[in-house]
Amino acid sequence: MNSRGWKSVYCVTKRDAFRGTAPINLTDRLHQVLRWATGSVEIFFSRNNAQLASSRMKFLQRIAYLNVGIYPFTSVFLIVYCFLPALSLFSVRRNTKRLGYW
């Protein structure tokens, strides 16, 4: 829509405009996040990608669309970042035993 010239505005309503249910347990939450990530990746790689469709979009709009499209791929780096310290601790302990420090 932005690529066709429509403007995006932030709308604040006095009453709740949209009501729904939130996921109750972790399984439902993970399924919801997976659906969001799958949709974002599909749009990012489709021919309907808003960044490639038009030159009328502003720079910050392009950054926002890029962030939404790339966000699912950042989970790989987060997992590596979380497990790297633990792996390095185990490897350091093993290496220091070999050297006779422990």
Protein backbone atom coordinates (compact mmCIF):
# COMPACT_ATOMS: atom_id res chain seq x y z
CA MET A 1 0.00 0.00 0.00
CA ASN A 2 2.83 2.38 0.81
CA SER A 3 4.47 1.64 -2.51
CA ARG A 4 1.26 2.71 -4.30
CA GLY A 5 1.21 6.10 -2.62
CA TRP A 6 -0.96 5.45 0.45
CA LYS A 7 0.17 7.16 3.65
CA SER A 8 0.68 5.32 6.94
CA VAL A 9 -0.46 7.02 10.14
CA TYR A 10 -0.43 5.91 13.75
CA CYS A 11 -3.95 5.76 15.14
CA VAL A 12 -4.75 6.02 18.85
CA THR A 13 -8.34 5.34 19.80
CA LYS A 14 -10.02 6.11 23.10
CA ARG A 15 -11.70 2.73 23.20
CA ASP A 16 -10.12 -0.57 22.27
CA ALA A 17 -10.47 -0.75 18.52
CA PHE A 18 -9.52 -4.38 18.19
CA ARG A 19 -10.26 -7.11 20.69
CA GLY A 20 -9.11 -10.67 20.51
CA THR A 21 -7.53 -13.46 22.44
CA ALA A 22 -3.88 -13.89 23.24
CA PRO A 23 -2.07 -17.23 23.31
CA ILE A 24 -2.45 -18.89 26.68
CA ASN A 25 0.50 -21.28 26.74
CA LEU A 26 3.98 -21.45 25.25
CA THR A 27 3.01 -23.81 22.46
CA ASP A 28 0.32 -21.46 21.15
CA ARG A 29 2.71 -18.52 21.45
CA LEU A 30 5.41 -20.32 19.45
CA HIS A 31 2.90 -21.25 16.74
CA GLN A 32 1.80 -17.62 16.50
CA VAL A 33 5.38 -16.37 16.23
CA LEU A 34 6.10 -19.02 13.60
CA ARG A 35 3.10 -17.83 11.53
CA TRP A 36 4.28 -14.22 11.77
CA ALA A 37 7.84 -15.16 10.80
CA THR A 38 6.69 -17.30 7.88
CA GLY A 39 4.50 -14.50 6.55
CA SER A 40 7.29 -11.94 6.90
CA VAL A 41 9.76 -14.13 5.02
CA GLU A 42 7.23 -14.91 2.28
CA ILE A 43 6.53 -11.22 1.71
CA PHE A 44 10.23 -10.34 1.84
CA PHE A 45 11.08 -12.80 -0.95
CA SER A 46 7.93 -12.27 -3.04
CA ARG A 47 7.50 -9.96 -5.99
CA ASN A 48 5.20 -7.84 -3.79
CA ASN A 49 8.10 -6.68 -1.63
CA ALA A 50 7.34 -3.06 -0.82
CA GLN A 51 10.99 -2.02 -0.93
CA LEU A 52 11.44 -3.07 -4.53
CA ALA A 53 8.02 -2.00 -5.74
CA SER A 54 8.32 1.76 -5.63
CA SER A 55 10.72 4.61 -5.17
CA ARG A 56 8.03 6.76 -3.51
CA MET A 57 8.63 5.28 -0.06
CA LYS A 58 10.62 7.29 2.43
CA PHE A 59 13.90 6.07 3.90
CA LEU A 60 12.46 5.21 7.33
CA GLN A 61 9.59 3.30 5.73
CA ARG A 62 12.12 1.23 3.80
CA ILE A 63 14.06 0.54 7.00
CA ALA A 64 10.85 -0.54 8.77
CA TYR A 65 9.94 -2.96 5.96
CA LEU A 66 13.50 -4.29 5.92
CA ASN A 67 13.38 -4.86 9.68
CA VAL A 68 10.13 -6.82 9.42
CA GLY A 69 11.49 -8.96 6.58
CA ILE A 70 14.85 -9.73 8.17
CA TYR A 71 13.67 -10.17 11.76
CA PRO A 72 13.01 -13.96 11.56
CA PHE A 73 16.62 -14.55 10.44
CA THR A 74 18.04 -12.86 13.55
CA SER A 75 16.98 -15.82 15.68
CA VAL A 76 19.90 -17.84 14.31
CA PHE A 77 22.37 -15.27 15.61
CA LEU A 78 20.59 -15.06 18.97
CA ILE A 79 20.83 -18.82 19.46
CA VAL A 80 24.53 -18.78 18.64
CA TYR A 81 25.03 -15.81 20.97
CA CYS A 82 23.27 -17.63 23.82
CA PHE A 83 25.12 -20.94 23.47
CA LEU A 84 28.58 -19.62 22.63
CA PRO A 85 29.55 -18.70 26.22
CA ALA A 86 28.54 -22.13 27.52
CA LEU A 87 30.44 -23.88 24.76
CA SER A 88 33.52 -21.78 25.38
CA LEU A 89 33.40 -22.57 29.11
CA PHE A 90 33.34 -26.30 28.42
CA SER A 91 36.13 -26.08 25.86
CA VAL A 92 38.30 -23.89 28.13
CA ARG A 93 37.89 -26.31 31.01
CA ARG A 94 38.82 -29.24 28.81
CA ASN A 95 41.85 -27.40 27.41
CA THR A 96 43.07 -26.28 30.82
CA LYS A 97 42.86 -29.85 32.15
CA ARG A 98 45.08 -30.90 29.31
CA LEU A 99 47.58 -28.17 30.23
CA GLY A 100 47.51 -29.07 33.92
CA TYR A 101 45.93 -25.90 35.32
CA TRP A 102 43.01 -27.67 37.03
